[in-house]
Amino acid sequence: MSYPPDPNNPYGQPQQPAQPGYGYPQQPPAQPQYGYPQQPPAGAPQDAYGQQAAYGYPQQPPAAAPGYGYPADPYGNAGYVQNAYASWGSRVAAYIVDAIIIGLVPGILYGIGIAMAASTITYTTDPATGVQIPQSSGGSAFGIIFILLGALLALGLGLWLCYQEGTTGQTPGKKMVNIRLVREIDGQPLGFGMAVVRKICHVLDGFVCYLGFLWPLWDAKKQTFADKVMNTVVVKAQ
């Protein structure tokens, strides 16, 4: 294809369009450097505070609500909807199961010890006063041993239940009825030591005709007095 002569070309040769130098790479369009935030295009989605999200960067997912999947309140503190709290009946059922675990074998040992001690007691009558005086033989010592073994076993089982409740939030009874003891502030187990302290705080629930144990029947968070002192709640397990 021919081109008209250029009047400014003294040699009268047709002017060819400029071609890039052979063998040299073409200059690519300017690319943004990797790792720097890009200017978001117009109309880019905005975050909750009205600021445009950085283009090309993954958005930070919203923080998961604390406490075994239960929703947090609007102010960022852990909270539980009303139907997440364990019912009073399920707590009583869990308590009965745990009481059987603690008391069954120790109760048998208590019974054996008391029976052995009672069977070895004899009575003699004081001739001067006519009063019967109880006397025991060596068999009563074995009865006392059985009673002490029962007491030690009950103590060990009680500490084991506190350990389970403090580390996992569930005793065998709570696991059976699918409930869990957690800290109210973050929904996590309260630890072995604090679980023991909570058991001691149940003394408060026994005052005034065991009113504290009945308090979850009408309390908004279904807490006993011990729960309020320790800032704990019993919730439905997931």
Protein backbone atom coordinates (compact mmCIF):
# COMPACT_ATOMS: atom_id res chain seq x y z
CA MET A 1 0.00 0.00 0.00
CA SER A 2 1.46 3.39 -1.00
CA TYR A 3 1.28 6.61 0.94
CA PRO A 4 1.15 10.14 -0.51
CA PRO A 5 4.52 11.94 -0.51
CA ASP A 6 5.25 14.03 2.50
CA PRO A 7 6.15 17.62 1.51
CA ASN A 8 8.48 17.79 4.49
CA ASN A 9 10.37 14.68 3.36
CA PRO A 10 13.26 15.83 1.12
CA TYR A 11 13.87 12.36 -0.26
CA GLY A 12 10.37 11.87 -1.51
CA GLN A 13 10.00 8.49 0.18
CA PRO A 14 6.69 7.56 1.61
CA GLN A 15 6.47 8.01 5.35
CA GLN A 16 6.08 4.67 7.17
CA PRO A 17 4.32 4.49 10.51
CA ALA A 18 6.68 4.13 13.47
CA GLN A 19 7.19 0.53 14.46
CA PRO A 20 8.60 -0.66 17.75
CA GLY A 21 12.19 -1.82 17.81
CA TYR A 22 12.65 -5.43 16.82
CA GLY A 23 13.37 -7.79 19.68
CA TYR A 24 12.49 -5.40 22.47
CA PRO A 25 9.51 -6.13 24.68
CA GLN A 26 6.65 -3.76 24.61
CA GLN A 27 6.19 -1.54 27.61
CA PRO A 28 3.15 -2.97 29.41
CA PRO A 29 0.63 -0.63 30.89
CA ALA A 30 1.43 0.43 34.40
CA GLN A 31 0.32 -2.19 36.88
CA PRO A 32 -0.17 -1.53 40.56
CA GLN A 33 2.50 -2.97 42.76
CA TYR A 34 1.55 -6.16 44.55
CA GLY A 35 0.63 -5.78 48.16
CA TYR A 36 -0.60 -2.18 48.03
CA PRO A 37 -4.26 -1.32 48.44
CA GLN A 38 -6.03 -0.29 45.28
CA GLN A 39 -8.25 2.71 44.86
CA PRO A 40 -11.77 1.30 44.99
CA PRO A 41 -13.85 2.00 41.93
CA ALA A 42 -16.91 4.18 42.09
CA GLY A 43 -19.85 2.33 43.52
CA ALA A 44 -17.70 -0.16 45.48
CA PRO A 45 -19.48 -1.72 48.47
CA GLN A 46 -19.17 0.09 51.74
CA ASP A 47 -18.64 -1.32 55.21
CA ALA A 48 -20.89 -0.83 58.20
CA TYR A 49 -19.29 2.59 58.93
CA GLY A 50 -19.87 4.05 55.46
CA GLN A 51 -16.26 3.63 54.24
CA GLN A 52 -15.48 1.95 50.98
CA ALA A 53 -13.74 -1.37 51.34
CA ALA A 54 -10.26 -1.65 49.81
CA TYR A 55 -10.50 -3.03 46.26
CA GLY A 56 -8.97 -6.44 45.86
CA TYR A 57 -8.67 -7.20 49.54
CA PRO A 58 -10.81 -9.85 51.25
CA GLN A 59 -13.28 -8.45 53.70
CA GLN A 60 -12.88 -9.26 57.36
CA PRO A 61 -15.69 -11.62 58.35
CA PRO A 62 -17.81 -10.53 61.29
CA ALA A 63 -16.62 -11.82 64.63
CA ALA A 64 -18.38 -14.95 65.76
CA ALA A 65 -20.68 -14.51 68.68
CA PRO A 66 -19.15 -15.89 71.89
CA GLY A 67 -20.57 -18.64 73.98
CA TYR A 68 -21.24 -21.87 72.04
CA GLY A 69 -23.01 -20.22 69.16
CA TYR A 70 -25.45 -18.08 71.11
CA PRO A 71 -25.84 -14.47 69.87
CA ALA A 72 -24.11 -11.51 71.48
CA ASP A 73 -25.92 -8.37 72.48
CA PRO A 74 -25.65 -5.15 70.37
CA TYR A 75 -22.99 -3.73 72.67
CA GLY A 76 -20.50 -6.54 72.13
CA ASN A 77 -21.00 -8.31 75.43
CA ALA A 78 -21.84 -11.97 75.46
CA GLY A 79 -25.51 -12.59 76.02
CA TYR A 80 -28.02 -15.37 75.70
CA VAL A 81 -31.52 -15.31 74.36
CA GLN A 82 -34.16 -16.32 76.82
CA ASN A 83 -34.84 -19.74 75.32
CA ALA A 84 -31.13 -20.66 75.56
CA TYR A 85 -31.17 -20.95 79.35
CA ALA A 86 -31.68 -24.41 80.83
CA SER A 87 -35.01 -25.04 82.49
CA TRP A 88 -35.35 -25.62 86.20
CA GLY A 89 -36.63 -29.15 85.60
CA SER A 90 -33.60 -30.16 83.54
CA ARG A 91 -31.27 -28.82 86.23
CA VAL A 92 -33.10 -30.83 88.90
CA ALA A 93 -32.87 -33.98 86.75
CA ALA A 94 -29.12 -33.45 86.28
CA TYR A 95 -28.68 -32.93 90.03
CA ILE A 96 -30.49 -36.18 90.82
CA VAL A 97 -28.28 -38.15 88.42
CA ASP A 98 -25.12 -36.63 89.90
CA ALA A 99 -26.35 -37.29 93.44
CA ILE A 100 -26.87 -40.94 92.61
CA ILE A 101 -23.34 -41.16 91.20
CA ILE A 102 -21.86 -39.58 94.33
CA GLY A 103 -24.06 -41.30 96.89
CA LEU A 104 -24.68 -44.84 95.63
CA VAL A 105 -21.40 -46.61 96.48
CA PRO A 106 -20.55 -44.43 99.50
CA GLY A 107 -24.08 -45.01 100.81
CA ILE A 108 -23.54 -48.77 100.62
CA LEU A 109 -20.28 -48.42 102.54
CA TYR A 110 -22.02 -46.25 105.15
CA GLY A 111 -24.73 -48.86 105.58
CA ILE A 112 -22.24 -51.69 106.02
CA GLY A 113 -20.21 -49.70 108.51
CA ILE A 114 -23.22 -48.67 110.58
CA ALA A 115 -24.59 -52.22 110.60
CA MET A 116 -21.25 -53.66 111.71
CA ALA A 117 -20.87 -51.08 114.46
CA ALA A 118 -24.42 -51.59 115.73
CA SER A 119 -24.18 -55.38 115.78
CA THR A 120 -21.18 -55.35 118.09
CA ILE A 121 -22.70 -53.10 120.73
CA THR A 122 -23.81 -54.80 123.94
CA TYR A 123 -25.42 -53.31 126.99
CA THR A 124 -24.68 -53.89 130.65
CA THR A 125 -26.77 -52.72 133.54
CA ASP A 126 -25.23 -50.74 136.34
CA PRO A 127 -26.36 -52.53 139.55
CA ALA A 128 -26.27 -49.35 141.54
CA THR A 129 -28.36 -47.17 139.25
CA GLY A 130 -30.02 -49.69 136.95
CA VAL A 131 -28.92 -47.70 133.86
CA GLN A 132 -27.88 -49.67 130.78
CA ILE A 133 -24.39 -48.82 129.61
CA PRO A 134 -23.50 -49.57 125.95
CA GLN A 135 -20.26 -51.43 125.33
CA SER A 136 -18.74 -52.31 122.00
CA SER A 137 -16.38 -55.05 120.93
CA GLY A 138 -13.56 -54.92 118.41
CA GLY A 139 -15.97 -55.38 115.50
CA SER A 140 -17.07 -51.75 115.70
CA ALA A 141 -13.62 -50.67 114.48
CA PHE A 142 -14.28 -52.33 111.12
CA GLY A 143 -17.57 -50.51 110.91
CA ILE A 144 -15.82 -47.19 111.43
CA ILE A 145 -13.34 -48.08 108.67
CA PHE A 146 -16.21 -48.67 106.23
CA ILE A 147 -17.78 -45.36 107.18
CA LEU A 148 -14.50 -43.52 106.61
CA LEU A 149 -14.02 -45.23 103.26
CA GLY A 150 -17.49 -44.12 102.22
CA ALA A 151 -16.76 -40.54 103.23
CA LEU A 152 -13.46 -40.45 101.31
CA LEU A 153 -15.08 -41.93 98.23
CA ALA A 154 -17.89 -39.38 98.36
CA LEU A 155 -15.36 -36.56 98.64
CA GLY A 156 -13.32 -37.88 95.70
CA LEU A 157 -16.40 -38.27 93.50
CA GLY A 158 -17.55 -34.77 94.41
CA LEU A 159 -14.19 -33.28 93.36
CA TRP A 160 -14.33 -35.29 90.14
CA LEU A 161 -17.75 -33.84 89.35
CA CYS A 162 -16.37 -30.34 89.99
CA TYR A 163 -13.48 -31.06 87.64
CA GLN A 164 -15.83 -32.21 84.89
CA GLU A 165 -18.11 -29.23 85.41
CA GLY A 166 -15.23 -26.74 85.54
CA THR A 167 -13.33 -28.00 82.49
CA THR A 168 -16.14 -29.09 80.16
CA GLY A 169 -19.19 -27.41 81.69
CA GLN A 170 -20.94 -30.76 82.03
CA THR A 171 -21.24 -33.40 84.71
CA PRO A 172 -22.66 -36.81 83.73
CA GLY A 173 -26.10 -35.57 84.81
CA LYS A 174 -25.85 -32.36 82.78
CA LYS A 175 -24.59 -34.29 79.77
CA MET A 176 -27.55 -36.66 80.03
CA VAL A 177 -30.09 -33.80 79.89
CA ASN A 178 -27.99 -31.77 77.40
CA ILE A 179 -27.22 -28.67 79.45
CA ARG A 180 -23.97 -26.89 80.28
CA LEU A 181 -22.58 -24.59 82.99
CA VAL A 182 -20.63 -21.61 81.59
CA ARG A 183 -19.43 -18.15 82.55
CA GLU A 184 -21.98 -15.51 81.70
CA ILE A 185 -19.42 -13.05 80.32
CA ASP A 186 -17.94 -15.25 77.58
CA GLY A 187 -19.77 -18.58 77.55
CA GLN A 188 -16.69 -20.61 78.52
CA PRO A 189 -16.21 -23.18 81.33
CA LEU A 190 -15.29 -21.54 84.62
CA GLY A 191 -12.40 -23.85 85.60
CA PHE A 192 -11.94 -26.47 88.30
CA GLY A 193 -11.11 -24.11 91.17
CA MET A 194 -14.04 -21.79 90.53
CA ALA A 195 -16.34 -24.78 90.13
CA VAL A 196 -15.38 -25.85 93.66
CA VAL A 197 -16.05 -22.32 94.93
CA ARG A 198 -19.46 -22.39 93.23
CA LYS A 199 -20.32 -25.63 95.03
CA ILE A 200 -19.45 -23.95 98.33
CA CYS A 201 -21.62 -20.96 97.38
CA HIS A 202 -24.60 -23.29 97.14
CA VAL A 203 -24.74 -22.87 100.92
CA LEU A 204 -26.40 -19.53 100.16
CA ASP A 205 -29.10 -21.34 98.20
CA GLY A 206 -29.99 -23.39 101.28
CA PHE A 207 -30.83 -20.36 103.42
CA VAL A 208 -34.50 -19.49 103.98
CA CYS A 209 -36.09 -22.82 103.10
CA TYR A 210 -33.81 -23.51 100.10
CA LEU A 211 -35.13 -20.42 98.31
CA GLY A 212 -31.99 -20.08 96.19
CA PHE A 213 -32.53 -23.47 94.57
CA LEU A 214 -36.07 -22.40 93.61
CA TRP A 215 -35.00 -18.99 92.32
CA PRO A 216 -34.48 -20.16 88.67
CA LEU A 217 -38.24 -20.77 88.44
CA TRP A 218 -38.90 -17.03 88.05
CA ASP A 219 -35.46 -15.51 87.43
CA ALA A 220 -34.91 -13.99 83.96
CA LYS A 221 -31.57 -15.80 83.56
CA LYS A 222 -32.70 -18.84 85.55
CA GLN A 223 -29.85 -18.40 88.06
CA THR A 224 -29.52 -19.61 91.61
CA PHE A 225 -27.92 -17.39 94.25
CA ALA A 226 -24.64 -19.23 93.69
CA ASP A 227 -24.88 -18.49 89.95
CA LYS A 228 -25.37 -14.79 90.63
CA VAL A 229 -22.39 -14.67 92.98
CA MET A 230 -20.16 -16.53 90.49
CA ASN A 231 -21.61 -14.86 87.34
CA THR A 232 -22.48 -18.23 85.79
CA VAL A 233 -25.45 -19.47 83.81
CA VAL A 234 -26.69 -22.92 82.84
CA VAL A 235 -27.59 -23.09 79.15
CA LYS A 236 -28.75 -25.66 76.67
CA ALA A 237 -25.80 -27.48 75.13
CA GLN A 238 -25.34 -27.36 71.35
